[in-house]
């Protein structure tokens, strides 16, 4: 039975794990929101590696929630094995987060190149591929933009002044839209770049926040485990 200052560490570790479980749920929510509202909607505009980011975040959130169980039980029962297991799992997740963070930071500089390649290639398939057309329609409607760099891009596709109906906030009754009526003029590549970098920053901030929690938890867990082991050896 731990006593003195280690009793305080024991309860701090227990409280930490409650917060850790809540943070795991928070990361899970961030991952789900990012996946549903960004990466799933614009899947035709991003590389598979970028689409994996929110999935990884969701997985980490679930794992963190489960790991907190070992920490809580280990602290309450003063079980050396469970606390060590908790510490090792924390370390593994921390290493994975650092690796993902490095990859994410490197990929961050490739966002504009990726969008330029994907938007340019998919524009030519707008009228022949329903899935791509849906992605473009969502982007132009939700982001209030038209074409990769502007409405003139569609002239290369249509060879006239016709625009997709989602380029117009108030399209004609027949769904038609062209450059002679009121239409969006913003660049979709700029709007998407801003959106992706914004969510990348949110994901990165969430990861760093959890990493800080993990380091603190590992310190508490290792201190408590070491003290419990000493008491066992004394007995």
Protein backbone atom coordinates (compact mmCIF):
# COMPACT_ATOMS: atom_id res chain seq x y z
CA UNK A 1 0.00 0.00 0.00
CA UNK A 2 1.58 3.28 -1.10
CA UNK A 3 1.75 6.11 1.38
CA UNK A 4 2.91 9.68 1.81
CA UNK A 5 3.75 11.58 -1.35
CA UNK A 6 3.11 8.54 -3.55
CA UNK A 7 -0.52 8.48 -2.40
CA UNK A 8 -0.81 11.89 -3.99
CA UNK A 9 0.82 10.55 -7.17
CA UNK A 10 -1.63 7.64 -7.14
CA UNK A 11 -4.67 9.90 -7.12
CA UNK A 12 -3.09 12.32 -9.58
CA UNK A 13 -2.57 9.37 -11.95
CA UNK A 14 -6.19 8.32 -11.47
CA UNK A 15 -7.44 11.88 -12.19
CA UNK A 16 -5.07 12.12 -15.13
CA UNK A 17 -6.61 9.01 -16.66
CA UNK A 18 -10.09 10.42 -16.35
CA UNK A 19 -8.92 13.51 -18.25
CA UNK A 20 -7.04 11.25 -20.64
CA UNK A 21 -10.24 9.31 -21.40
CA UNK A 22 -12.08 12.58 -22.06
CA UNK A 23 -9.26 13.80 -24.32
CA UNK A 24 -9.46 10.49 -26.20
CA UNK A 25 -13.13 11.16 -26.88
CA UNK A 26 -12.28 14.71 -27.95
CA UNK A 27 -9.69 13.44 -30.45
CA UNK A 28 -12.23 10.91 -31.70
CA UNK A 29 -14.75 13.71 -32.32
CA UNK A 30 -12.15 15.87 -34.10
CA UNK A 31 -11.23 12.92 -36.32
CA UNK A 32 -14.87 12.14 -37.18
CA UNK A 33 -15.64 15.80 -37.98
CA UNK A 34 -12.51 16.15 -40.13
CA UNK A 35 -13.30 12.91 -41.98
CA UNK A 36 -16.99 13.63 -42.64
CA UNK A 37 -16.80 17.33 -43.43
CA UNK A 38 -13.46 17.52 -45.25
CA UNK A 39 -11.74 14.36 -46.40
CA UNK A 40 -14.84 12.34 -47.27
CA UNK A 41 -16.43 15.22 -49.19
CA UNK A 42 -13.27 16.11 -51.09
CA UNK A 43 -11.80 12.63 -51.48
CA UNK A 44 -11.22 13.17 -55.20
CA UNK A 45 -9.07 16.22 -54.46
CA UNK A 46 -6.61 14.72 -51.97
CA UNK A 47 -4.12 11.86 -51.98
CA UNK A 48 -4.97 8.67 -50.02
CA UNK A 49 -2.25 9.50 -47.48
CA UNK A 50 -4.11 12.70 -46.56
CA UNK A 51 -7.41 10.85 -46.26
CA UNK A 52 -5.77 8.51 -43.76
CA UNK A 53 -5.02 11.37 -41.31
CA UNK A 54 -8.50 11.61 -39.73
CA UNK A 55 -8.81 7.80 -39.69
CA UNK A 56 -5.56 7.62 -37.71
CA UNK A 57 -6.90 10.30 -35.37
CA UNK A 58 -10.12 8.31 -34.80
CA UNK A 59 -8.09 5.16 -34.11
CA UNK A 60 -5.81 7.00 -31.67
CA UNK A 61 -8.86 8.42 -29.88
CA UNK A 62 -10.36 4.95 -29.39
CA UNK A 63 -7.01 3.47 -28.29
CA UNK A 64 -6.42 6.32 -25.82
CA UNK A 65 -9.86 5.78 -24.31
CA UNK A 66 -9.09 2.06 -23.84
CA UNK A 67 -5.57 2.69 -22.52
CA UNK A 68 -6.95 4.97 -19.80
CA UNK A 69 -8.69 1.88 -18.38
CA UNK A 70 -5.33 0.28 -17.56
CA UNK A 71 -4.13 3.46 -15.91
CA UNK A 72 -7.25 3.88 -13.76
CA UNK A 73 -7.33 0.22 -12.67
CA UNK A 74 -3.59 0.11 -12.11
CA UNK A 75 -3.67 3.24 -9.94
CA UNK A 76 -6.66 2.12 -7.85
CA UNK A 77 -5.46 -1.46 -7.38
CA UNK A 78 -1.80 -0.41 -7.11
CA UNK A 79 -1.03 -3.11 -9.67
CA UNK A 80 2.57 -2.82 -10.85
CA UNK A 81 1.97 -4.87 -14.02
CA UNK A 82 -1.04 -2.81 -15.16
CA UNK A 83 0.77 0.47 -14.53
CA UNK A 84 3.81 -0.69 -16.52
CA UNK A 85 1.50 -1.86 -19.34
CA UNK A 86 -0.15 1.55 -19.27
CA UNK A 87 3.24 3.31 -19.48
CA UNK A 88 4.43 1.15 -22.39
CA UNK A 89 1.20 1.70 -24.34
CA UNK A 90 1.47 5.44 -23.72
CA UNK A 91 5.04 5.41 -25.04
CA UNK A 92 4.01 3.50 -28.18
CA UNK A 93 1.16 5.92 -28.91
CA UNK A 94 3.47 8.88 -28.26
CA UNK A 95 6.07 7.56 -30.75
CA UNK A 96 3.30 6.97 -33.32
CA UNK A 97 1.99 10.52 -32.83
CA UNK A 98 5.46 12.02 -33.24
CA UNK A 99 6.02 9.99 -36.44
CA UNK A 100 2.59 11.04 -37.80
CA UNK A 101 3.33 14.66 -36.87
CA UNK A 102 6.63 14.63 -38.78
CA UNK A 103 4.97 13.09 -41.84
CA UNK A 104 2.12 15.61 -41.60
CA UNK A 105 4.53 18.53 -41.38
CA UNK A 106 6.42 17.30 -44.45
CA UNK A 107 3.18 16.76 -46.41
CA UNK A 108 1.95 20.22 -45.41
CA UNK A 109 4.25 21.78 -48.01
CA UNK A 110 2.78 19.56 -50.72
CA UNK A 111 -0.85 20.62 -50.27
CA UNK A 112 -0.84 23.20 -53.07
CA UNK A 113 0.93 20.86 -55.52
CA UNK A 114 -1.51 18.07 -54.65
CA UNK A 115 -4.56 20.30 -55.15
CA UNK A 116 -3.22 21.69 -58.42
CA UNK A 117 -2.69 18.18 -59.81
CA UNK A 118 -5.99 16.75 -58.57
CA UNK A 119 -8.21 19.72 -59.47
CA UNK A 120 -6.67 20.11 -62.91
CA UNK A 121 -7.11 16.42 -63.77
CA UNK A 122 -10.61 16.03 -62.34
CA UNK A 123 -12.04 19.10 -64.10
CA UNK A 124 -11.79 17.27 -67.41
CA UNK A 125 -13.84 14.38 -65.98
CA UNK A 126 -16.60 16.58 -64.56
CA UNK A 127 -19.16 15.63 -67.21
CA UNK A 128 -18.14 11.98 -67.55
CA UNK A 129 -17.69 10.89 -63.92
CA UNK A 130 -20.62 11.32 -61.52
CA UNK A 131 -18.47 10.92 -58.40
CA UNK A 132 -16.05 13.63 -59.52
CA UNK A 133 -18.94 15.87 -60.55
CA UNK A 134 -20.45 15.51 -57.07
CA UNK A 135 -17.12 16.45 -55.43
CA UNK A 136 -16.76 19.53 -57.62
CA UNK A 137 -20.38 20.55 -56.98
CA UNK A 138 -19.91 20.24 -53.22
CA UNK A 139 -16.69 22.26 -53.33
CA UNK A 140 -18.09 25.07 -55.49
CA UNK A 141 -21.35 25.28 -53.56
CA UNK A 142 -19.93 25.01 -50.03
CA UNK A 143 -16.80 27.13 -50.61
CA UNK A 144 -18.51 29.60 -52.98
CA UNK A 145 -15.84 29.26 -55.65
CA UNK A 146 -15.74 28.41 -59.34
CA UNK A 147 -13.05 26.54 -61.25
CA UNK A 148 -9.55 25.71 -60.12
CA UNK A 149 -8.21 29.28 -60.39
CA UNK A 150 -11.44 30.96 -61.48
CA UNK A 151 -14.51 30.70 -63.77
CA UNK A 152 -12.37 31.01 -66.93
CA UNK A 153 -11.03 27.50 -66.28
CA UNK A 154 -14.36 26.04 -67.38
CA UNK A 155 -13.96 27.62 -70.83
CA UNK A 156 -11.18 25.10 -71.45
CA UNK A 157 -13.70 22.32 -70.77
CA UNK A 158 -16.90 23.68 -72.33
CA UNK A 159 -15.37 25.96 -75.00
CA UNK A 160 -18.12 28.52 -74.33
CA UNK A 161 -19.38 30.69 -71.45
CA UNK A 162 -21.34 27.85 -69.79
CA UNK A 163 -20.51 27.10 -66.14
CA UNK A 164 -21.56 24.27 -63.80
CA UNK A 165 -24.78 25.23 -62.00
CA UNK A 166 -22.94 25.27 -58.64
CA UNK A 167 -20.89 28.26 -59.83
CA UNK A 168 -24.04 30.36 -59.52
CA UNK A 169 -25.58 31.15 -56.15
CA UNK A 170 -28.92 31.68 -57.90
CA UNK A 171 -28.90 29.51 -60.99
CA UNK A 172 -31.72 29.77 -63.56
CA UNK A 173 -34.82 27.64 -63.11
CA UNK A 174 -33.46 25.15 -65.62
CA UNK A 175 -30.26 24.87 -63.60
CA UNK A 176 -28.16 26.68 -66.18
CA UNK A 177 -25.31 29.01 -65.26
CA UNK A 178 -22.93 31.03 -67.40
CA UNK A 179 -20.36 33.80 -67.15
CA UNK A 180 -22.91 36.49 -68.13
CA UNK A 181 -24.91 36.13 -64.89
CA UNK A 182 -23.94 36.57 -61.26
CA UNK A 183 -21.53 33.76 -60.37
CA UNK A 184 -18.75 32.91 -57.92
CA UNK A 185 -15.35 34.21 -58.96
CA UNK A 186 -13.15 32.90 -56.15
CA UNK A 187 -10.45 30.28 -56.82
CA UNK A 188 -11.36 26.81 -55.54
CA UNK A 189 -7.71 25.83 -55.13
CA UNK A 190 -7.14 28.74 -52.73
CA UNK A 191 -10.32 28.01 -50.78
CA UNK A 192 -9.46 24.31 -50.47
CA UNK A 193 -5.85 25.05 -49.54
CA UNK A 194 -6.98 27.34 -46.71
CA UNK A 195 -9.52 24.75 -45.52
CA UNK A 196 -7.09 21.81 -45.55
CA UNK A 197 -4.34 23.75 -43.78
CA UNK A 198 -6.85 24.92 -41.17
CA UNK A 199 -7.94 21.37 -40.36
CA UNK A 200 -4.34 20.17 -40.47
CA UNK A 201 -3.53 22.78 -37.81
CA UNK A 202 -6.47 21.64 -35.66
CA UNK A 203 -5.38 18.00 -35.97
CA UNK A 204 -1.78 18.95 -35.17
CA UNK A 205 -2.80 21.01 -32.13
CA UNK A 206 -4.93 18.15 -30.84
CA UNK A 207 -2.02 15.75 -31.26
CA UNK A 208 0.43 18.03 -29.44
CA UNK A 209 -2.01 18.59 -26.59
CA UNK A 210 -2.49 14.87 -26.10
CA UNK A 211 1.27 14.28 -26.36
CA UNK A 212 1.78 16.68 -23.43
CA UNK A 213 -0.79 14.76 -21.39
CA UNK A 214 0.91 11.49 -22.24
CA UNK A 215 4.36 12.62 -21.09
CA UNK A 216 2.87 13.79 -17.79
CA UNK A 217 1.02 10.51 -17.39
CA UNK A 218 4.15 8.47 -18.11
CA UNK A 219 6.04 10.38 -15.39
CA UNK A 220 3.28 9.74 -12.82
CA UNK A 221 2.93 6.09 -13.84
CA UNK A 222 6.66 5.34 -13.74
CA UNK A 223 7.02 7.02 -10.33
CA UNK A 224 4.12 5.07 -8.90
CA UNK A 225 5.29 1.76 -10.44
CA UNK A 226 8.79 2.23 -9.08
CA UNK A 227 7.48 2.94 -5.57
CA UNK A 228 5.13 -0.06 -5.65
CA UNK A 229 8.00 -2.30 -6.74
CA UNK A 230 10.18 -1.04 -3.90
CA UNK A 231 7.42 -1.80 -1.40
CA UNK A 232 7.03 -5.31 -2.80
CA UNK A 233 10.79 -5.87 -2.50
CA UNK A 234 10.73 -4.56 1.10
CA UNK A 235 7.93 -6.95 2.01
